[in-house]
Amino acid sequence: GFLAACIGMIFGVISFEIMKKKYL
């Protein structure tokens, strides 16, 4: 359960870093 929460947070960080320069 904790690992699933960790993976969810990693998805969020990666999404932000990949797309922030294009959309923000």
mmCIF file of all heavy atoms, coordinates in Angstrom:
data_MODEL
# 
_entry.id   MODEL 
# 
loop_
_atom_site.group_PDB 
_atom_site.id 
_atom_site.type_symbol 
_atom_site.label_atom_id 
_atom_site.label_alt_id 
_atom_site.label_comp_id 
_atom_site.label_asym_id 
_atom_site.label_entity_id 
_atom_site.label_seq_id 
_atom_site.pdbx_PDB_ins_code 
_atom_site.Cartn_x 
_atom_site.Cartn_y 
_atom_site.Cartn_z 
_atom_site.occupancy 
_atom_site.B_iso_or_equiv 
_atom_site.pdbx_formal_charge 
_atom_site.auth_seq_id 
_atom_site.auth_comp_id 
_atom_site.auth_asym_id 
_atom_site.auth_atom_id 
_atom_site.pdbx_PDB_model_num 
ATOM 1   N N   . GLY A 1 1  ? 0.819  -1.209 0.000   1.00 0.00 ? 1  GLY A N   1 
ATOM 2   C CA  . GLY A 1 1  ? 0.000  0.000  0.000   1.00 0.00 ? 1  GLY A CA  1 
ATOM 3   C C   . GLY A 1 1  ? 0.851  1.257  0.000   1.00 0.00 ? 1  GLY A C   1 
ATOM 4   O O   . GLY A 1 1  ? 0.577  2.219  -0.737  1.00 0.00 ? 1  GLY A O   1 
ATOM 5   N N   . PHE A 1 2  ? 1.904  1.262  0.821   1.00 0.00 ? 2  PHE A N   1 
ATOM 6   C CA  . PHE A 1 2  ? 2.806  2.414  0.854   1.00 0.00 ? 2  PHE A CA  1 
ATOM 7   C C   . PHE A 1 2  ? 3.572  2.548  -0.455  1.00 0.00 ? 2  PHE A C   1 
ATOM 8   O O   . PHE A 1 2  ? 3.839  3.663  -0.917  1.00 0.00 ? 2  PHE A O   1 
ATOM 9   C CB  . PHE A 1 2  ? 3.782  2.284  2.027   1.00 0.00 ? 2  PHE A CB  1 
ATOM 10  C CG  . PHE A 1 2  ? 3.131  2.377  3.377   1.00 0.00 ? 2  PHE A CG  1 
ATOM 11  C CD1 . PHE A 1 2  ? 3.398  1.440  4.358   1.00 0.00 ? 2  PHE A CD1 1 
ATOM 12  C CD2 . PHE A 1 2  ? 2.244  3.399  3.668   1.00 0.00 ? 2  PHE A CD2 1 
ATOM 13  C CE1 . PHE A 1 2  ? 2.807  1.518  5.606   1.00 0.00 ? 2  PHE A CE1 1 
ATOM 14  C CE2 . PHE A 1 2  ? 1.635  3.496  4.914   1.00 0.00 ? 2  PHE A CE2 1 
ATOM 15  C CZ  . PHE A 1 2  ? 1.917  2.548  5.891   1.00 0.00 ? 2  PHE A CZ  1 
ATOM 16  N N   . LEU A 1 3  ? 3.929  1.419  -1.052  1.00 0.00 ? 3  LEU A N   1 
ATOM 17  C CA  . LEU A 1 3  ? 4.639  1.482  -2.327  1.00 0.00 ? 3  LEU A CA  1 
ATOM 18  C C   . LEU A 1 3  ? 3.747  2.054  -3.421  1.00 0.00 ? 3  LEU A C   1 
ATOM 19  O O   . LEU A 1 3  ? 4.209  2.837  -4.269  1.00 0.00 ? 3  LEU A O   1 
ATOM 20  C CB  . LEU A 1 3  ? 5.125  0.086  -2.726  1.00 0.00 ? 3  LEU A CB  1 
ATOM 21  C CG  . LEU A 1 3  ? 5.947  0.009  -4.018  1.00 0.00 ? 3  LEU A CG  1 
ATOM 22  C CD1 . LEU A 1 3  ? 7.224  0.837  -3.897  1.00 0.00 ? 3  LEU A CD1 1 
ATOM 23  C CD2 . LEU A 1 3  ? 6.292  -1.442 -4.353  1.00 0.00 ? 3  LEU A CD2 1 
ATOM 24  N N   . ALA A 1 4  ? 2.462  1.701  -3.417  1.00 0.00 ? 4  ALA A N   1 
ATOM 25  C CA  . ALA A 1 4  ? 1.528  2.267  -4.392  1.00 0.00 ? 4  ALA A CA  1 
ATOM 26  C C   . ALA A 1 4  ? 1.437  3.785  -4.216  1.00 0.00 ? 4  ALA A C   1 
ATOM 27  O O   . ALA A 1 4  ? 1.395  4.537  -5.203  1.00 0.00 ? 4  ALA A O   1 
ATOM 28  C CB  . ALA A 1 4  ? 0.151  1.628  -4.234  1.00 0.00 ? 4  ALA A CB  1 
ATOM 29  N N   . ALA A 1 5  ? 1.406  4.247  -2.966  1.00 0.00 ? 5  ALA A N   1 
ATOM 30  C CA  . ALA A 1 5  ? 1.377  5.689  -2.701  1.00 0.00 ? 5  ALA A CA  1 
ATOM 31  C C   . ALA A 1 5  ? 2.655  6.355  -3.202  1.00 0.00 ? 5  ALA A C   1 
ATOM 32  O O   . ALA A 1 5  ? 2.622  7.462  -3.744  1.00 0.00 ? 5  ALA A O   1 
ATOM 33  C CB  . ALA A 1 5  ? 1.194  5.938  -1.207  1.00 0.00 ? 5  ALA A CB  1 
ATOM 34  N N   . CYS A 1 6  ? 3.788  5.684  -3.035  1.00 0.00 ? 6  CYS A N   1 
ATOM 35  C CA  . CYS A 1 6  ? 5.072  6.207  -3.510  1.00 0.00 ? 6  CYS A CA  1 
ATOM 36  C C   . CYS A 1 6  ? 5.075  6.322  -5.033  1.00 0.00 ? 6  CYS A C   1 
ATOM 37  O O   . CYS A 1 6  ? 5.488  7.344  -5.587  1.00 0.00 ? 6  CYS A O   1 
ATOM 38  C CB  . CYS A 1 6  ? 6.200  5.294  -3.039  1.00 0.00 ? 6  CYS A CB  1 
ATOM 39  S SG  . CYS A 1 6  ? 7.840  5.753  -3.654  1.00 0.00 ? 6  CYS A SG  1 
ATOM 40  N N   . ILE A 1 7  ? 4.593  5.292  -5.713  1.00 0.00 ? 7  ILE A N   1 
ATOM 41  C CA  . ILE A 1 7  ? 4.565  5.301  -7.179  1.00 0.00 ? 7  ILE A CA  1 
ATOM 42  C C   . ILE A 1 7  ? 3.649  6.409  -7.695  1.00 0.00 ? 7  ILE A C   1 
ATOM 43  O O   . ILE A 1 7  ? 3.966  7.094  -8.675  1.00 0.00 ? 7  ILE A O   1 
ATOM 44  C CB  . ILE A 1 7  ? 4.113  3.928  -7.705  1.00 0.00 ? 7  ILE A CB  1 
ATOM 45  C CG1 . ILE A 1 7  ? 5.185  2.880  -7.395  1.00 0.00 ? 7  ILE A CG1 1 
ATOM 46  C CG2 . ILE A 1 7  ? 3.828  3.973  -9.200  1.00 0.00 ? 7  ILE A CG2 1 
ATOM 47  C CD1 . ILE A 1 7  ? 4.769  1.455  -7.702  1.00 0.00 ? 7  ILE A CD1 1 
ATOM 48  N N   . GLY A 1 8  ? 2.521  6.610  -7.026  1.00 0.00 ? 8  GLY A N   1 
ATOM 49  C CA  . GLY A 1 8  ? 1.630  7.696  -7.418  1.00 0.00 ? 8  GLY A CA  1 
ATOM 50  C C   . GLY A 1 8  ? 2.305  9.048  -7.336  1.00 0.00 ? 8  GLY A C   1 
ATOM 51  O O   . GLY A 1 8  ? 2.178  9.890  -8.242  1.00 0.00 ? 8  GLY A O   1 
ATOM 52  N N   . MET A 1 9  ? 3.078  9.266  -6.260  1.00 0.00 ? 9  MET A N   1 
ATOM 53  C CA  . MET A 1 9  ? 3.776  10.545 -6.113  1.00 0.00 ? 9  MET A CA  1 
ATOM 54  C C   . MET A 1 9  ? 4.858  10.699 -7.182  1.00 0.00 ? 9  MET A C   1 
ATOM 55  O O   . MET A 1 9  ? 5.058  11.795 -7.730  1.00 0.00 ? 9  MET A O   1 
ATOM 56  C CB  . MET A 1 9  ? 4.403  10.612 -4.715  1.00 0.00 ? 9  MET A CB  1 
ATOM 57  C CG  . MET A 1 9  ? 4.904  11.998 -4.329  1.00 0.00 ? 9  MET A CG  1 
ATOM 58  S SD  . MET A 1 9  ? 3.578  13.195 -4.170  1.00 0.00 ? 9  MET A SD  1 
ATOM 59  C CE  . MET A 1 9  ? 3.984  14.346 -5.470  1.00 0.00 ? 9  MET A CE  1 
ATOM 60  N N   . ILE A 1 10 ? 5.541  9.617  -7.502  1.00 0.00 ? 10 ILE A N   1 
ATOM 61  C CA  . ILE A 1 10 ? 6.568  9.673  -8.548  1.00 0.00 ? 10 ILE A CA  1 
ATOM 62  C C   . ILE A 1 10 ? 5.945  10.009 -9.895  1.00 0.00 ? 10 ILE A C   1 
ATOM 63  O O   . ILE A 1 10 ? 6.491  10.818 -10.659 1.00 0.00 ? 10 ILE A O   1 
ATOM 64  C CB  . ILE A 1 10 ? 7.337  8.336  -8.608  1.00 0.00 ? 10 ILE A CB  1 
ATOM 65  C CG1 . ILE A 1 10 ? 8.184  8.161  -7.343  1.00 0.00 ? 10 ILE A CG1 1 
ATOM 66  C CG2 . ILE A 1 10 ? 8.219  8.277  -9.851  1.00 0.00 ? 10 ILE A CG2 1 
ATOM 67  C CD1 . ILE A 1 10 ? 8.830  6.794  -7.219  1.00 0.00 ? 10 ILE A CD1 1 
ATOM 68  N N   . PHE A 1 11 ? 4.795  9.433  -10.211 1.00 0.00 ? 11 PHE A N   1 
ATOM 69  C CA  . PHE A 1 11 ? 4.090  9.774  -11.445 1.00 0.00 ? 11 PHE A CA  1 
ATOM 70  C C   . PHE A 1 11 ? 3.792  11.271 -11.503 1.00 0.00 ? 11 PHE A C   1 
ATOM 71  O O   . PHE A 1 11 ? 3.947  11.912 -12.545 1.00 0.00 ? 11 PHE A O   1 
ATOM 72  C CB  . PHE A 1 11 ? 2.778  8.989  -11.547 1.00 0.00 ? 11 PHE A CB  1 
ATOM 73  C CG  . PHE A 1 11 ? 2.935  7.584  -12.030 1.00 0.00 ? 11 PHE A CG  1 
ATOM 74  C CD1 . PHE A 1 11 ? 1.940  6.654  -11.814 1.00 0.00 ? 11 PHE A CD1 1 
ATOM 75  C CD2 . PHE A 1 11 ? 4.067  7.176  -12.708 1.00 0.00 ? 11 PHE A CD2 1 
ATOM 76  C CE1 . PHE A 1 11 ? 2.072  5.342  -12.248 1.00 0.00 ? 11 PHE A CE1 1 
ATOM 77  C CE2 . PHE A 1 11 ? 4.222  5.871  -13.157 1.00 0.00 ? 11 PHE A CE2 1 
ATOM 78  C CZ  . PHE A 1 11 ? 3.211  4.958  -12.922 1.00 0.00 ? 11 PHE A CZ  1 
ATOM 79  N N   . GLY A 1 12 ? 3.343  11.824 -10.382 1.00 0.00 ? 12 GLY A N   1 
ATOM 80  C CA  . GLY A 1 12 ? 3.026  13.245 -10.343 1.00 0.00 ? 12 GLY A CA  1 
ATOM 81  C C   . GLY A 1 12 ? 4.246  14.116 -10.594 1.00 0.00 ? 12 GLY A C   1 
ATOM 82  O O   . GLY A 1 12 ? 4.189  15.081 -11.370 1.00 0.00 ? 12 GLY A O   1 
ATOM 83  N N   . VAL A 1 13 ? 5.368  13.791 -9.960  1.00 0.00 ? 13 VAL A N   1 
ATOM 84  C CA  . VAL A 1 13 ? 6.599  14.576 -10.122 1.00 0.00 ? 13 VAL A CA  1 
ATOM 85  C C   . VAL A 1 13 ? 7.111  14.484 -11.559 1.00 0.00 ? 13 VAL A C   1 
ATOM 86  O O   . VAL A 1 13 ? 7.502  15.493 -12.161 1.00 0.00 ? 13 VAL A O   1 
ATOM 87  C CB  . VAL A 1 13 ? 7.677  14.098 -9.131  1.00 0.00 ? 13 VAL A CB  1 
ATOM 88  C CG1 . VAL A 1 13 ? 9.008  14.780 -9.417  1.00 0.00 ? 13 VAL A CG1 1 
ATOM 89  C CG2 . VAL A 1 13 ? 7.251  14.382 -7.698  1.00 0.00 ? 13 VAL A CG2 1 
ATOM 90  N N   . ILE A 1 14 ? 7.112  13.280 -12.113 1.00 0.00 ? 14 ILE A N   1 
ATOM 91  C CA  . ILE A 1 14 ? 7.601  13.102 -13.487 1.00 0.00 ? 14 ILE A CA  1 
ATOM 92  C C   . ILE A 1 14 ? 6.727  13.869 -14.476 1.00 0.00 ? 14 ILE A C   1 
ATOM 93  O O   . ILE A 1 14 ? 7.234  14.532 -15.396 1.00 0.00 ? 14 ILE A O   1 
ATOM 94  C CB  . ILE A 1 14 ? 7.653  11.605 -13.842 1.00 0.00 ? 14 ILE A CB  1 
ATOM 95  C CG1 . ILE A 1 14 ? 8.751  10.906 -13.036 1.00 0.00 ? 14 ILE A CG1 1 
ATOM 96  C CG2 . ILE A 1 14 ? 7.899  11.415 -15.341 1.00 0.00 ? 14 ILE A CG2 1 
ATOM 97  C CD1 . ILE A 1 14 ? 8.797  9.405  -13.230 1.00 0.00 ? 14 ILE A CD1 1 
ATOM 98  N N   . SER A 1 15 ? 5.415  13.793 -14.303 1.00 0.00 ? 15 SER A N   1 
ATOM 99  C CA  . SER A 1 15 ? 4.505  14.530 -15.194 1.00 0.00 ? 15 SER A CA  1 
ATOM 100 C C   . SER A 1 15 ? 4.787  16.021 -15.141 1.00 0.00 ? 15 SER A C   1 
ATOM 101 O O   . SER A 1 15 ? 4.826  16.702 -16.175 1.00 0.00 ? 15 SER A O   1 
ATOM 102 C CB  . SER A 1 15 ? 3.053  14.252 -14.795 1.00 0.00 ? 15 SER A CB  1 
ATOM 103 O OG  . SER A 1 15 ? 2.740  12.879 -14.880 1.00 0.00 ? 15 SER A OG  1 
ATOM 104 N N   . PHE A 1 16 ? 5.002  16.527 -13.941 1.00 0.00 ? 16 PHE A N   1 
ATOM 105 C CA  . PHE A 1 16 ? 5.261  17.963 -13.770 1.00 0.00 ? 16 PHE A CA  1 
ATOM 106 C C   . PHE A 1 16 ? 6.564  18.365 -14.446 1.00 0.00 ? 16 PHE A C   1 
ATOM 107 O O   . PHE A 1 16 ? 6.619  19.371 -15.171 1.00 0.00 ? 16 PHE A O   1 
ATOM 108 C CB  . PHE A 1 16 ? 5.305  18.295 -12.283 1.00 0.00 ? 16 PHE A CB  1 
ATOM 109 C CG  . PHE A 1 16 ? 5.551  19.742 -11.977 1.00 0.00 ? 16 PHE A CG  1 
ATOM 110 C CD1 . PHE A 1 16 ? 4.523  20.670 -12.099 1.00 0.00 ? 16 PHE A CD1 1 
ATOM 111 C CD2 . PHE A 1 16 ? 6.799  20.180 -11.581 1.00 0.00 ? 16 PHE A CD2 1 
ATOM 112 C CE1 . PHE A 1 16 ? 4.748  22.016 -11.830 1.00 0.00 ? 16 PHE A CE1 1 
ATOM 113 C CE2 . PHE A 1 16 ? 7.033  21.522 -11.298 1.00 0.00 ? 16 PHE A CE2 1 
ATOM 114 C CZ  . PHE A 1 16 ? 6.001  22.436 -11.427 1.00 0.00 ? 16 PHE A CZ  1 
ATOM 115 N N   . GLU A 1 17 ? 7.625  17.599 -14.230 1.00 0.00 ? 17 GLU A N   1 
ATOM 116 C CA  . GLU A 1 17 ? 8.925  17.959 -14.767 1.00 0.00 ? 17 GLU A CA  1 
ATOM 117 C C   . GLU A 1 17 ? 8.966  17.856 -16.289 1.00 0.00 ? 17 GLU A C   1 
ATOM 118 O O   . GLU A 1 17 ? 9.596  18.673 -16.958 1.00 0.00 ? 17 GLU A O   1 
ATOM 119 C CB  . GLU A 1 17 ? 10.010 17.072 -14.152 1.00 0.00 ? 17 GLU A CB  1 
ATOM 120 C CG  . GLU A 1 17 ? 10.386 17.466 -12.744 1.00 0.00 ? 17 GLU A CG  1 
ATOM 121 C CD  . GLU A 1 17 ? 10.919 18.878 -12.675 1.00 0.00 ? 17 GLU A CD  1 
ATOM 122 O OE1 . GLU A 1 17 ? 11.934 19.181 -13.338 1.00 0.00 ? 17 GLU A OE1 1 
ATOM 123 O OE2 . GLU A 1 17 ? 10.297 19.701 -11.979 1.00 0.00 ? 17 GLU A OE2 1 
ATOM 124 N N   . ILE A 1 18 ? 8.294  16.866 -16.855 1.00 0.00 ? 18 ILE A N   1 
ATOM 125 C CA  . ILE A 1 18 ? 8.327  16.677 -18.307 1.00 0.00 ? 18 ILE A CA  1 
ATOM 126 C C   . ILE A 1 18 ? 7.564  17.762 -19.048 1.00 0.00 ? 18 ILE A C   1 
ATOM 127 O O   . ILE A 1 18 ? 7.998  18.253 -20.091 1.00 0.00 ? 18 ILE A O   1 
ATOM 128 C CB  . ILE A 1 18 ? 7.777  15.275 -18.680 1.00 0.00 ? 18 ILE A CB  1 
ATOM 129 C CG1 . ILE A 1 18 ? 8.753  14.186 -18.233 1.00 0.00 ? 18 ILE A CG1 1 
ATOM 130 C CG2 . ILE A 1 18 ? 7.526  15.170 -20.183 1.00 0.00 ? 18 ILE A CG2 1 
ATOM 131 C CD1 . ILE A 1 18 ? 8.241  12.779 -18.480 1.00 0.00 ? 18 ILE A CD1 1 
ATOM 132 N N   . MET A 1 19 ? 6.430  18.171 -18.496 1.00 0.00 ? 19 MET A N   1 
ATOM 133 C CA  . MET A 1 19 ? 5.522  19.046 -19.249 1.00 0.00 ? 19 MET A CA  1 
ATOM 134 C C   . MET A 1 19 ? 5.453  20.487 -18.765 1.00 0.00 ? 19 MET A C   1 
ATOM 135 O O   . MET A 1 19 ? 4.775  21.306 -19.381 1.00 0.00 ? 19 MET A O   1 
ATOM 136 C CB  . MET A 1 19 ? 4.112  18.435 -19.234 1.00 0.00 ? 19 MET A CB  1 
ATOM 137 C CG  . MET A 1 19 ? 4.020  17.119 -19.973 1.00 0.00 ? 19 MET A CG  1 
ATOM 138 S SD  . MET A 1 19 ? 2.325  16.448 -20.064 1.00 0.00 ? 19 MET A SD  1 
ATOM 139 C CE  . MET A 1 19 ? 2.183  15.708 -18.443 1.00 0.00 ? 19 MET A CE  1 
ATOM 140 N N   . LYS A 1 20 ? 6.147  20.828 -17.681 1.00 0.00 ? 20 LYS A N   1 
ATOM 141 C CA  . LYS A 1 20 ? 5.992  22.176 -17.132 1.00 0.00 ? 20 LYS A CA  1 
ATOM 142 C C   . LYS A 1 20 ? 6.504  23.268 -18.076 1.00 0.00 ? 20 LYS A C   1 
ATOM 143 O O   . LYS A 1 20 ? 5.912  24.343 -18.169 1.00 0.00 ? 20 LYS A O   1 
ATOM 144 C CB  . LYS A 1 20 ? 6.701  22.270 -15.779 1.00 0.00 ? 20 LYS A CB  1 
ATOM 145 C CG  . LYS A 1 20 ? 8.218  22.188 -15.839 1.00 0.00 ? 20 LYS A CG  1 
ATOM 146 C CD  . LYS A 1 20 ? 8.833  22.324 -14.457 1.00 0.00 ? 20 LYS A CD  1 
ATOM 147 C CE  . LYS A 1 20 ? 10.350 22.299 -14.522 1.00 0.00 ? 20 LYS A CE  1 
ATOM 148 N NZ  . LYS A 1 20 ? 10.958 22.413 -13.163 1.00 0.00 ? 20 LYS A NZ  1 
ATOM 149 N N   . LYS A 1 21 ? 7.605  23.008 -18.807 1.00 0.00 ? 21 LYS A N   1 
ATOM 150 C CA  . LYS A 1 21 ? 8.161  24.031 -19.678 1.00 0.00 ? 21 LYS A CA  1 
ATOM 151 C C   . LYS A 1 21 ? 7.257  24.302 -20.894 1.00 0.00 ? 21 LYS A C   1 
ATOM 152 O O   . LYS A 1 21 ? 7.291  25.391 -21.460 1.00 0.00 ? 21 LYS A O   1 
ATOM 153 C CB  . LYS A 1 21 ? 9.556  23.627 -20.154 1.00 0.00 ? 21 LYS A CB  1 
ATOM 154 C CG  . LYS A 1 21 ? 10.593 23.640 -19.044 1.00 0.00 ? 21 LYS A CG  1 
ATOM 155 C CD  . LYS A 1 21 ? 11.973 23.298 -19.580 1.00 0.00 ? 21 LYS A CD  1 
ATOM 156 C CE  . LYS A 1 21 ? 13.016 23.335 -18.461 1.00 0.00 ? 21 LYS A CE  1 
ATOM 157 N NZ  . LYS A 1 21 ? 14.373 22.992 -18.967 1.00 0.00 ? 21 LYS A NZ  1 
ATOM 158 N N   . LYS A 1 22 ? 6.484  23.301 -21.265 1.00 0.00 ? 22 LYS A N   1 
ATOM 159 C CA  . LYS A 1 22 ? 5.611  23.457 -22.416 1.00 0.00 ? 22 LYS A CA  1 
ATOM 160 C C   . LYS A 1 22 ? 4.286  24.113 -22.048 1.00 0.00 ? 22 LYS A C   1 
ATOM 161 O O   . LYS A 1 22 ? 3.762  24.942 -22.803 1.00 0.00 ? 22 LYS A O   1 
ATOM 162 C CB  . LYS A 1 22 ? 5.350  22.084 -23.051 1.00 0.00 ? 22 LYS A CB  1 
ATOM 163 C CG  . LYS A 1 22 ? 4.483  22.137 -24.295 1.00 0.00 ? 22 LYS A CG  1 
ATOM 164 C CD  . LYS A 1 22 ? 4.340  20.768 -24.925 1.00 0.00 ? 22 LYS A CD  1 
ATOM 165 C CE  . LYS A 1 22 ? 3.482  20.823 -26.194 1.00 0.00 ? 22 LYS A CE  1 
ATOM 166 N NZ  . LYS A 1 22 ? 3.337  19.483 -26.814 1.00 0.00 ? 22 LYS A NZ  1 
ATOM 167 N N   . TYR A 1 23 ? 3.716  23.748 -20.899 1.00 0.00 ? 23 TYR A N   1 
ATOM 168 C CA  . TYR A 1 23 ? 2.351  24.158 -20.583 1.00 0.00 ? 23 TYR A CA  1 
ATOM 169 C C   . TYR A 1 23 ? 2.250  25.205 -19.460 1.00 0.00 ? 23 TYR A C   1 
ATOM 170 O O   . TYR A 1 23 ? 1.233  25.872 -19.360 1.00 0.00 ? 23 TYR A O   1 
ATOM 171 C CB  . TYR A 1 23 ? 1.516  22.945 -20.188 1.00 0.00 ? 23 TYR A CB  1 
ATOM 172 C CG  . TYR A 1 23 ? 1.332  21.971 -21.314 1.00 0.00 ? 23 TYR A CG  1 
ATOM 173 C CD1 . TYR A 1 23 ? 1.864  20.696 -21.260 1.00 0.00 ? 23 TYR A CD1 1 
ATOM 174 C CD2 . TYR A 1 23 ? 0.613  22.334 -22.462 1.00 0.00 ? 23 TYR A CD2 1 
ATOM 175 C CE1 . TYR A 1 23 ? 1.698  19.797 -22.302 1.00 0.00 ? 23 TYR A CE1 1 
ATOM 176 C CE2 . TYR A 1 23 ? 0.440  21.448 -23.516 1.00 0.00 ? 23 TYR A CE2 1 
ATOM 177 C CZ  . TYR A 1 23 ? 0.983  20.177 -23.424 1.00 0.00 ? 23 TYR A CZ  1 
ATOM 178 O OH  . TYR A 1 23 ? 0.820  19.306 -24.469 1.00 0.00 ? 23 TYR A OH  1 
ATOM 179 N N   . LEU A 1 24 ? 3.295  25.334 -18.645 1.00 0.00 ? 24 LEU A N   1 
ATOM 180 C CA  . LEU A 1 24 ? 3.225  26.311 -17.549 1.00 0.00 ? 24 LEU A CA  1 
ATOM 181 C C   . LEU A 1 24 ? 4.093  27.503 -17.878 1.00 0.00 ? 24 LEU A C   1 
ATOM 182 O O   . LEU A 1 24 ? 5.142  27.737 -17.272 1.00 0.00 ? 24 LEU A O   1 
ATOM 183 C CB  . LEU A 1 24 ? 3.658  25.657 -16.232 1.00 0.00 ? 24 LEU A CB  1 
ATOM 184 C CG  . LEU A 1 24 ? 2.795  24.487 -15.765 1.00 0.00 ? 24 LEU A CG  1 
ATOM 185 C CD1 . LEU A 1 24 ? 3.363  23.894 -14.491 1.00 0.00 ? 24 LEU A CD1 1 
ATOM 186 C CD2 . LEU A 1 24 ? 1.353  24.922 -15.550 1.00 0.00 ? 24 LEU A CD2 1 
# 
